[in-house]
Amino acid sequence: MPKMKTHSGSKKRFRVTGSGKIMRGKAYKSHILTKKSAKRKRNFRHETALAGGDAKNVARAIGLR
């Protein structure tokens, strides 16, 4: 049976921490930034961990499980 291919879009959007959590970037940072507060825009810079059900699907897409 051939090897599974890594999903190209997923490998660009997610990363795996040392402890195995899958991290994602935040949404709503790309445009219409004038009405958003500086604090809100600053918080968009940080990554956050994926929720459980999503993490399972993404792990398969990036070739972990």
PDB file of N, CA and C in Angstrom:
ATOM      1  N   MET A   1       0.846  -1.188   0.000  1.00  0.00           N
ATOM      2  CA  MET A   1       0.000   0.000   0.000  1.00  0.00           C
ATOM      3  C   MET A   1       0.892   1.253   0.000  1.00  0.00           C
ATOM      4  N   PRO A   2       0.562   2.271  -0.808  1.00  0.00           N
ATOM      5  CA  PRO A   2       1.424   3.456  -0.876  1.00  0.00           C
ATOM      6  C   PRO A   2       1.329   4.309   0.385  1.00  0.00           C
ATOM      7  N   LYS A   3       2.332   5.157   0.553  1.00  0.00           N
ATOM      8  CA  LYS A   3       2.341   6.061   1.694  1.00  0.00           C
ATOM      9  C   LYS A   3       1.208   7.077   1.564  1.00  0.00           C
ATOM     10  N   MET A   4       0.719   7.570   2.700  1.00  0.00           N
ATOM     11  CA  MET A   4      -0.280   8.643   2.710  1.00  0.00           C
ATOM     12  C   MET A   4       0.426   9.956   2.398  1.00  0.00           C
ATOM     13  N   LYS A   5      -0.218  10.801   1.625  1.00  0.00           N
ATOM     14  CA  LYS A   5       0.362  12.102   1.327  1.00  0.00           C
ATOM     15  C   LYS A   5      -0.102  13.132   2.351  1.00  0.00           C
ATOM     16  N   THR A   6       0.800  14.040   2.707  1.00  0.00           N
ATOM     17  CA  THR A   6       0.462  15.146   3.591  1.00  0.00           C
ATOM     18  C   THR A   6      -0.402  16.140   2.813  1.00  0.00           C
ATOM     19  N   HIS A   7      -1.442  16.657   3.457  1.00  0.00           N
ATOM     20  CA  HIS A   7      -2.306  17.645   2.821  1.00  0.00           C
ATOM     21  C   HIS A   7      -1.566  18.982   2.780  1.00  0.00           C
ATOM     22  N   SER A   8      -1.302  19.491   1.575  1.00  0.00           N
ATOM     23  CA  SER A   8      -0.449  20.667   1.406  1.00  0.00           C
ATOM     24  C   SER A   8      -1.004  21.907   2.082  1.00  0.00           C
ATOM     25  N   GLY A   9      -2.321  22.103   2.040  1.00  0.00           N
ATOM     26  CA  GLY A   9      -2.914  23.270   2.692  1.00  0.00           C
ATOM     27  C   GLY A   9      -2.786  23.193   4.194  1.00  0.00           C
ATOM     28  N   SER A  10      -2.942  22.004   4.740  1.00  0.00           N
ATOM     29  CA  SER A  10      -2.874  21.824   6.194  1.00  0.00           C
ATOM     30  C   SER A  10      -1.469  22.040   6.730  1.00  0.00           C
ATOM     31  N   LYS A  11      -0.470  21.566   6.012  1.00  0.00           N
ATOM     32  CA  LYS A  11       0.900  21.701   6.533  1.00  0.00           C
ATOM     33  C   LYS A  11       1.340  23.164   6.589  1.00  0.00           C
ATOM     34  N   LYS A  12       0.695  24.039   5.790  1.00  0.00           N
ATOM     35  CA  LYS A  12       1.018  25.457   5.826  1.00  0.00           C
ATOM     36  C   LYS A  12       0.278  26.188   6.954  1.00  0.00           C
ATOM     37  N   ARG A  13      -0.825  25.633   7.424  1.00  0.00           N
ATOM     38  CA  ARG A  13      -1.680  26.334   8.380  1.00  0.00           C
ATOM     39  C   ARG A  13      -1.538  25.890   9.830  1.00  0.00           C
ATOM     40  N   PHE A  14      -1.002  24.695  10.050  1.00  0.00           N
ATOM     41  CA  PHE A  14      -0.935  24.146  11.403  1.00  0.00           C
ATOM     42  C   PHE A  14       0.485  23.738  11.742  1.00  0.00           C
ATOM     43  N   ARG A  15       0.787  23.749  13.044  1.00  0.00           N
ATOM     44  CA  ARG A  15       2.071  23.240  13.506  1.00  0.00           C
ATOM     45  C   ARG A  15       1.827  22.425  14.767  1.00  0.00           C
ATOM     46  N   VAL A  16       2.770  21.546  15.068  1.00  0.00           N
ATOM     47  CA  VAL A  16       2.642  20.659  16.219  1.00  0.00           C
ATOM     48  C   VAL A  16       3.659  21.083  17.270  1.00  0.00           C
ATOM     49  N   THR A  17       3.202  21.201  18.522  1.00  0.00           N
ATOM     50  CA  THR A  17       4.094  21.570  19.618  1.00  0.00           C
ATOM     51  C   THR A  17       4.886  20.351  20.068  1.00  0.00           C
ATOM     52  N   GLY A  18       5.828  20.569  20.952  1.00  0.00           N
ATOM     53  CA  GLY A  18       6.620  19.476  21.488  1.00  0.00           C
ATOM     54  C   GLY A  18       5.795  18.474  22.261  1.00  0.00           C
ATOM     55  N   SER A  19       4.722  18.951  22.913  1.00  0.00           N
ATOM     56  CA  SER A  19       3.866  18.050  23.693  1.00  0.00           C
ATOM     57  C   SER A  19       2.795  17.382  22.836  1.00  0.00           C
ATOM     58  N   GLY A  20       2.753  17.739  21.539  1.00  0.00           N
ATOM     59  CA  GLY A  20       1.829  17.068  20.628  1.00  0.00           C
ATOM     60  C   GLY A  20       0.552  17.811  20.324  1.00  0.00           C
ATOM     61  N   LYS A  21       0.366  19.020  20.890  1.00  0.00           N
ATOM     62  CA  LYS A  21      -0.831  19.804  20.570  1.00  0.00           C
ATOM     63  C   LYS A  21      -0.687  20.391  19.167  1.00  0.00           C
ATOM     64  N   ILE A  22      -1.808  20.568  18.489  1.00  0.00           N
ATOM     65  CA  ILE A  22      -1.807  21.176  17.157  1.00  0.00           C
ATOM     66  C   ILE A  22      -2.251  22.625  17.302  1.00  0.00           C
ATOM     67  N   MET A  23      -1.409  23.539  16.813  1.00  0.00           N
ATOM     68  CA  MET A  23      -1.673  24.965  16.955  1.00  0.00           C
ATOM     69  C   MET A  23      -2.147  25.557  15.631  1.00  0.00           C
ATOM     70  N   ARG A  24      -3.015  26.557  15.734  1.00  0.00           N
ATOM     71  CA  ARG A  24      -3.542  27.246  14.560  1.00  0.00           C
ATOM     72  C   ARG A  24      -3.454  28.745  14.781  1.00  0.00           C
ATOM     73  N   GLY A  25      -3.441  29.493  13.675  1.00  0.00           N
ATOM     74  CA  GLY A  25      -3.475  30.942  13.760  1.00  0.00           C
ATOM     75  C   GLY A  25      -4.910  31.417  13.937  1.00  0.00           C
ATOM     76  N   LYS A  26      -5.075  32.671  14.326  1.00  0.00           N
ATOM     77  CA  LYS A  26      -6.411  33.220  14.527  1.00  0.00           C
ATOM     78  C   LYS A  26      -6.948  33.813  13.226  1.00  0.00           C
ATOM     79  N   ALA A  27      -8.261  33.839  13.112  1.00  0.00           N
ATOM     80  CA  ALA A  27      -8.934  34.402  11.939  1.00  0.00           C
ATOM     81  C   ALA A  27      -9.199  35.902  12.136  1.00  0.00           C
ATOM     82  N   TYR A  28      -9.706  36.557  11.100  1.00  0.00           N
ATOM     83  CA  TYR A  28     -10.157  37.967  11.126  1.00  0.00           C
ATOM     84  C   TYR A  28      -9.031  38.981  11.212  1.00  0.00           C
ATOM     85  N   LYS A  29      -7.831  38.645  10.764  1.00  0.00           N
ATOM     86  CA  LYS A  29      -6.699  39.556  10.847  1.00  0.00           C
ATOM     87  C   LYS A  29      -6.360  40.197   9.505  1.00  0.00           C
ATOM     88  N   SER A  30      -7.037  39.777   8.417  1.00  0.00           N
ATOM     89  CA  SER A  30      -6.557  40.149   7.093  1.00  0.00           C
ATOM     90  C   SER A  30      -7.043  41.496   6.560  1.00  0.00           C
ATOM     91  N   HIS A  31      -8.264  41.901   6.841  1.00  0.00           N
ATOM     92  CA  HIS A  31      -8.763  43.164   6.279  1.00  0.00           C
ATOM     93  C   HIS A  31      -9.847  43.739   7.174  1.00  0.00           C
ATOM     94  N   ILE A  32     -10.304  44.957   6.833  1.00  0.00           N
ATOM     95  CA  ILE A  32     -11.251  45.734   7.652  1.00  0.00           C
ATOM     96  C   ILE A  32     -10.722  45.855   9.080  1.00  0.00           C
ATOM     97  N   LEU A  33      -9.482  46.351   9.185  1.00  0.00           N
ATOM     98  CA  LEU A  33      -8.835  46.433  10.494  1.00  0.00           C
ATOM     99  C   LEU A  33      -9.087  47.765  11.193  1.00  0.00           C
ATOM    100  N   THR A  34      -9.631  48.750  10.481  1.00  0.00           N
ATOM    101  CA  THR A  34      -9.793  50.077  11.081  1.00  0.00           C
ATOM    102  C   THR A  34     -10.790  50.081  12.226  1.00  0.00           C
ATOM    103  N   LYS A  35     -11.823  49.263  12.141  1.00  0.00           N
ATOM    104  CA  LYS A  35     -12.840  49.250  13.204  1.00  0.00           C
ATOM    105  C   LYS A  35     -12.481  48.345  14.376  1.00  0.00           C
ATOM    106  N   LYS A  36     -11.391  47.591  14.259  1.00  0.00           N
ATOM    107  CA  LYS A  36     -10.989  46.689  15.329  1.00  0.00           C
ATOM    108  C   LYS A  36     -10.003  47.399  16.247  1.00  0.00           C
ATOM    109  N   SER A  37     -10.148  47.177  17.537  1.00  0.00           N
ATOM    110  CA  SER A  37      -9.292  47.846  18.505  1.00  0.00           C
ATOM    111  C   SER A  37      -7.864  47.304  18.413  1.00  0.00           C
ATOM    112  N   ALA A  38      -6.916  48.098  18.913  1.00  0.00           N
ATOM    113  CA  ALA A  38      -5.511  47.690  18.896  1.00  0.00           C
ATOM    114  C   ALA A  38      -5.315  46.432  19.726  1.00  0.00           C
ATOM    115  N   LYS A  39      -6.004  46.331  20.841  1.00  0.00           N
ATOM    116  CA  LYS A  39      -5.889  45.145  21.700  1.00  0.00           C
ATOM    117  C   LYS A  39      -6.368  43.898  20.966  1.00  0.00           C
ATOM    118  N   ARG A  40      -7.473  44.038  20.256  1.00  0.00           N
ATOM    119  CA  ARG A  40      -8.029  42.899  19.517  1.00  0.00           C
ATOM    120  C   ARG A  40      -7.073  42.455  18.416  1.00  0.00           C
ATOM    121  N   LYS A  41      -6.539  43.425  17.661  1.00  0.00           N
ATOM    122  CA  LYS A  41      -5.607  43.089  16.584  1.00  0.00           C
ATOM    123  C   LYS A  41      -4.329  42.459  17.131  1.00  0.00           C
ATOM    124  N   ARG A  42      -3.867  42.933  18.283  1.00  0.00           N
ATOM    125  CA  ARG A  42      -2.670  42.389  18.920  1.00  0.00           C
ATOM    126  C   ARG A  42      -2.894  40.930  19.317  1.00  0.00           C
ATOM    127  N   ASN A  43      -4.077  40.616  19.807  1.00  0.00           N
ATOM    128  CA  ASN A  43      -4.389  39.247  20.231  1.00  0.00           C
ATOM    129  C   ASN A  43      -4.540  38.291  19.053  1.00  0.00           C
ATOM    130  N   PHE A  44      -4.784  38.806  17.854  1.00  0.00           N
ATOM    131  CA  PHE A  44      -4.858  37.951  16.669  1.00  0.00           C
ATOM    132  C   PHE A  44      -3.490  37.361  16.327  1.00  0.00           C
ATOM    133  N   ARG A  45      -2.410  37.963  16.832  1.00  0.00           N
ATOM    134  CA  ARG A  45      -1.065  37.484  16.514  1.00  0.00           C
ATOM    135  C   ARG A  45      -0.769  36.133  17.141  1.00  0.00           C
ATOM    136  N   HIS A  46      -1.388  35.850  18.263  1.00  0.00           N
ATOM    137  CA  HIS A  46      -1.070  34.634  19.020  1.00  0.00           C
ATOM    138  C   HIS A  46      -1.754  33.413  18.421  1.00  0.00           C
ATOM    139  N   GLU A  47      -1.099  32.286  18.551  1.00  0.00           N
ATOM    140  CA  GLU A  47      -1.697  31.022  18.114  1.00  0.00           C
ATOM    141  C   GLU A  47      -2.543  30.453  19.248  1.00  0.00           C
ATOM    142  N   THR A  48      -3.425  29.540  18.898  1.00  0.00           N
ATOM    143  CA  THR A  48      -4.229  28.849  19.896  1.00  0.00           C
ATOM    144  C   THR A  48      -4.319  27.377  19.519  1.00  0.00           C
ATOM    145  N   ALA A  49      -4.595  26.540  20.508  1.00  0.00           N
ATOM    146  CA  ALA A  49      -4.659  25.095  20.269  1.00  0.00           C
ATOM    147  C   ALA A  49      -5.980  24.729  19.603  1.00  0.00           C
ATOM    148  N   LEU A  50      -5.956  23.726  18.764  1.00  0.00           N
ATOM    149  CA  LEU A  50      -7.171  23.233  18.116  1.00  0.00           C
ATOM    150  C   LEU A  50      -8.045  22.482  19.108  1.00  0.00           C
ATOM    151  N   ALA A  51      -9.360  22.530  18.888  1.00  0.00           N
ATOM    152  CA  ALA A  51     -10.301  21.745  19.682  1.00  0.00           C
ATOM    153  C   ALA A  51     -10.154  20.267  19.328  1.00  0.00           C
ATOM    154  N   GLY A  52     -10.589  19.396  20.232  1.00  0.00           N
ATOM    155  CA  GLY A  52     -10.359  17.959  20.108  1.00  0.00           C
ATOM    156  C   GLY A  52     -10.782  17.317  18.810  1.00  0.00           C
ATOM    157  N   GLY A  53     -12.031  17.522  18.394  1.00  0.00           N
ATOM    158  CA  GLY A  53     -12.527  16.889  17.174  1.00  0.00           C
ATOM    159  C   GLY A  53     -11.805  17.371  15.940  1.00  0.00           C
ATOM    160  N   ASP A  54     -11.499  18.658  15.906  1.00  0.00           N
ATOM    161  CA  ASP A  54     -10.763  19.218  14.773  1.00  0.00           C
ATOM    162  C   ASP A  54      -9.336  18.694  14.751  1.00  0.00           C
ATOM    163  N   ALA A  55      -8.738  18.569  15.921  1.00  0.00           N
ATOM    164  CA  ALA A  55      -7.352  18.116  16.009  1.00  0.00           C
ATOM    165  C   ALA A  55      -7.194  16.717  15.427  1.00  0.00           C
ATOM    166  N   LYS A  56      -8.187  15.880  15.634  1.00  0.00           N
ATOM    167  CA  LYS A  56      -8.137  14.516  15.112  1.00  0.00           C
ATOM    168  C   LYS A  56      -8.083  14.520  13.582  1.00  0.00           C
ATOM    169  N   ASN A  57      -8.926  15.340  12.959  1.00  0.00           N
ATOM    170  CA  ASN A  57      -8.960  15.423  11.495  1.00  0.00           C
ATOM    171  C   ASN A  57      -7.684  16.042  10.930  1.00  0.00           C
ATOM    172  N   VAL A  58      -7.192  17.099  11.575  1.00  0.00           N
ATOM    173  CA  VAL A  58      -5.996  17.778  11.096  1.00  0.00           C
ATOM    174  C   VAL A  58      -4.770  16.888  11.261  1.00  0.00           C
ATOM    175  N   ALA A  59      -4.721  16.134  12.365  1.00  0.00           N
ATOM    176  CA  ALA A  59      -3.598  15.219  12.589  1.00  0.00           C
ATOM    177  C   ALA A  59      -3.486  14.225  11.453  1.00  0.00           C
ATOM    178  N   ARG A  60      -4.615  13.727  10.984  1.00  0.00           N
ATOM    179  CA  ARG A  60      -4.605  12.785   9.856  1.00  0.00           C
ATOM    180  C   ARG A  60      -4.121  13.497   8.591  1.00  0.00           C
ATOM    181  N   ALA A  61      -4.555  14.749   8.395  1.00  0.00           N
ATOM    182  CA  ALA A  61      -4.199  15.488   7.184  1.00  0.00           C
ATOM    183  C   ALA A  61      -2.703  15.813   7.125  1.00  0.00           C
ATOM    184  N   ILE A  62      -2.096  16.070   8.292  1.00  0.00           N
ATOM    185  CA  ILE A  62      -0.673  16.422   8.289  1.00  0.00           C
ATOM    186  C   ILE A  62       0.217  15.210   8.564  1.00  0.00           C
ATOM    187  N   GLY A  63      -0.390  14.046   8.648  1.00  0.00           N
ATOM    188  CA  GLY A  63       0.371  12.807   8.695  1.00  0.00           C
ATOM    189  C   GLY A  63       0.861  12.385  10.059  1.00  0.00           C
ATOM    190  N   LEU A  64       0.113  12.716  11.119  1.00  0.00           N
ATOM    191  CA  LEU A  64       0.533  12.301  12.453  1.00  0.00           C
ATOM    192  C   LEU A  64      -0.039  10.955  12.854  1.00  0.00           C
ATOM    193  N   ARG A  65      -1.332  10.753  12.642  1.00  0.00           N
ATOM    194  CA  ARG A  65      -1.969   9.526  13.131  1.00  0.00           C
ATOM    195  C   ARG A  65      -2.620   8.762  11.997  1.00  0.00           C
TER     196      ARG A  65
END
